[in-house]
Amino acid sequence: MFERIVVAVDESEVAERVVAAAQELATLSGAEVWVLNVAEREASKFAVPAPDMADAHALVDKAVQKLASAGIAVHGEVAHTVYGYAAAEIISLARQRDAGVIVMGSRGRSDLAGLLVGSTAHKVIHLSDRPVVVVR
């Protein structure tokens, strides 16, 4: 089915279900998994310190441990980007790792709210050249 899977996690309530879905896919297909968290920061022409990545690393480490304890070959990655570019980071990692699928969550915004505020899941679905599994 899939040899490599990219799993995008965040601090939302659906994150645990995202990891569980990725675990099922990886177990069924014997896939290698990359868990990714993208921390976004505001763009500024002034020197802005890099965000504290401790929370992002803890989030990724938790998911990596869960998947590893299930016998899955798993790697964790943390990236940071300017606000609004998380989708591009997720897609970029999927291409770099030659992932067969991207697994990520949806925060449950309506289509209208997604259009107005912007939804990372919507952007990934529309810009990706590979399948995207969105968990609610």
Protein backbone atom coordinates (compact mmCIF):
# COMPACT_ATOMS: atom_id res chain seq x y z
CA MET A 1 0.00 0.00 0.00
CA PHE A 2 2.34 2.76 1.26
CA GLU A 3 6.07 2.51 1.91
CA ARG A 4 6.41 5.93 3.58
CA ILE A 5 3.90 8.09 5.44
CA VAL A 6 4.15 11.70 6.60
CA VAL A 7 2.02 12.49 9.64
CA ALA A 8 1.43 16.16 10.50
CA VAL A 9 0.55 16.70 14.16
CA ASP A 10 -0.37 19.80 16.12
CA GLU A 11 -1.76 20.61 19.54
CA SER A 12 -5.39 20.13 18.50
CA GLU A 13 -7.76 17.66 20.10
CA VAL A 14 -7.74 15.49 16.96
CA ALA A 15 -3.96 14.87 17.07
CA GLU A 16 -4.26 11.57 18.94
CA ARG A 17 -6.70 10.27 16.33
CA VAL A 18 -4.30 11.37 13.58
CA VAL A 19 -1.50 9.32 15.13
CA ALA A 20 -3.86 6.33 15.57
CA ALA A 21 -4.88 6.50 11.90
CA ALA A 22 -1.25 6.69 10.82
CA GLN A 23 -0.46 3.72 13.06
CA GLU A 24 -3.19 1.67 11.37
CA LEU A 25 -1.97 2.57 7.89
CA ALA A 26 1.66 1.88 8.78
CA THR A 27 0.82 -1.45 10.41
CA LEU A 28 -1.24 -2.57 7.41
CA SER A 29 1.41 -1.60 4.87
CA GLY A 30 4.66 -1.95 6.84
CA ALA A 31 5.39 1.70 6.13
CA GLU A 32 8.07 3.92 7.58
CA VAL A 33 6.61 7.06 9.21
CA TRP A 34 7.78 10.65 9.59
CA VAL A 35 5.96 12.65 12.26
CA LEU A 36 6.09 16.40 11.62
CA ASN A 37 5.07 19.47 13.57
CA VAL A 38 5.29 22.86 11.89
CA ALA A 39 5.46 25.83 14.25
CA GLU A 40 4.31 29.03 12.57
CA ARG A 41 5.51 32.51 13.50
CA GLU A 42 4.56 35.98 12.38
CA ALA A 43 6.47 37.52 9.49
CA SER A 44 8.31 40.70 10.38
CA LYS A 45 10.95 42.93 8.88
CA PHE A 46 12.42 43.24 12.37
CA ALA A 47 14.62 40.66 13.97
CA VAL A 48 12.27 38.18 15.58
CA PRO A 49 13.73 35.45 17.76
CA ALA A 50 13.03 31.90 16.67
CA PRO A 51 10.05 30.44 18.49
CA ASP A 52 10.60 28.18 21.49
CA MET A 53 10.40 24.74 19.95
CA ALA A 54 10.22 22.74 23.20
CA ASP A 55 6.46 22.19 22.92
CA ALA A 56 6.76 21.17 19.28
CA HIS A 57 9.50 18.67 20.09
CA ALA A 58 7.48 17.25 23.00
CA LEU A 59 4.45 16.81 20.73
CA VAL A 60 6.49 15.02 18.08
CA ASP A 61 8.34 12.89 20.66
CA LYS A 62 5.04 11.69 22.15
CA ALA A 63 3.77 10.58 18.73
CA VAL A 64 7.11 8.96 17.85
CA GLN A 65 7.10 6.98 21.10
CA LYS A 66 3.55 5.76 20.51
CA LEU A 67 4.34 4.59 16.98
CA ALA A 68 7.70 3.07 17.94
CA SER A 69 6.05 1.10 20.76
CA ALA A 70 3.78 -0.42 18.08
CA GLY A 71 6.86 -1.63 16.20
CA ILE A 72 6.76 1.00 13.47
CA ALA A 73 9.92 2.51 11.99
CA VAL A 74 9.38 6.17 12.83
CA HIS A 75 11.23 9.48 12.70
CA GLY A 76 10.33 12.87 14.16
CA GLU A 77 10.86 16.27 12.62
CA VAL A 78 10.08 19.80 13.74
CA ALA A 79 10.06 22.76 11.38
CA HIS A 80 9.16 26.39 11.71
CA THR A 81 7.93 28.73 9.07
CA VAL A 82 6.16 32.02 8.57
CA TYR A 83 2.45 32.00 9.41
CA GLY A 84 0.43 30.67 6.50
CA TYR A 85 3.12 28.40 5.05
CA ALA A 86 2.63 25.23 7.14
CA ALA A 87 0.97 23.47 4.20
CA ALA A 88 4.01 24.11 2.01
CA GLU A 89 6.28 22.66 4.72
CA ILE A 90 4.15 19.53 5.03
CA ILE A 91 4.08 19.01 1.27
CA SER A 92 7.82 19.67 1.01
CA LEU A 93 8.63 17.01 3.61
CA ALA A 94 6.30 14.54 1.88
CA ARG A 95 8.17 15.10 -1.39
CA GLN A 96 11.60 14.89 0.27
CA ARG A 97 10.69 11.59 1.92
CA ASP A 98 8.84 10.30 -1.15
CA ALA A 99 5.81 9.65 1.05
CA GLY A 100 2.91 7.79 -0.49
CA VAL A 101 0.37 9.57 1.71
CA ILE A 102 0.03 12.50 4.10
CA VAL A 103 -2.05 11.99 7.25
CA MET A 104 -3.24 15.06 9.12
CA GLY A 105 -6.08 16.43 11.18
CA SER A 106 -8.80 18.94 10.59
CA ARG A 107 -9.77 21.38 13.29
CA GLY A 108 -13.35 21.10 12.21
CA ARG A 109 -13.85 24.52 10.68
CA SER A 110 -16.64 24.76 8.17
CA ASP A 111 -15.75 25.26 4.52
CA LEU A 112 -16.71 28.93 4.84
CA ALA A 113 -14.52 29.42 7.92
CA GLY A 114 -11.71 27.57 6.17
CA LEU A 115 -11.96 29.95 3.24
CA LEU A 116 -12.06 33.05 5.42
CA VAL A 117 -9.42 32.11 7.99
CA GLY A 118 -7.46 29.61 5.95
CA SER A 119 -7.13 25.92 6.67
CA THR A 120 -3.86 24.05 6.51
CA ALA A 121 -5.74 20.85 5.66
CA HIS A 122 -7.56 22.56 2.77
CA LYS A 123 -4.28 23.92 1.43
CA VAL A 124 -2.52 20.56 1.65
CA ILE A 125 -5.40 18.79 -0.10
CA HIS A 126 -5.41 21.31 -2.95
CA LEU A 127 -1.64 21.65 -3.38
CA SER A 128 -0.42 18.11 -2.77
CA ASP A 129 0.44 15.74 -5.59
CA ARG A 130 -0.23 12.70 -3.36
CA PRO A 131 -3.17 11.37 -1.36
CA VAL A 132 -4.10 13.17 1.87
CA VAL A 133 -5.99 11.47 4.69
CA VAL A 134 -7.77 14.05 6.85
CA VAL A 135 -8.85 12.85 10.28
CA ARG A 136 -11.68 14.60 12.16
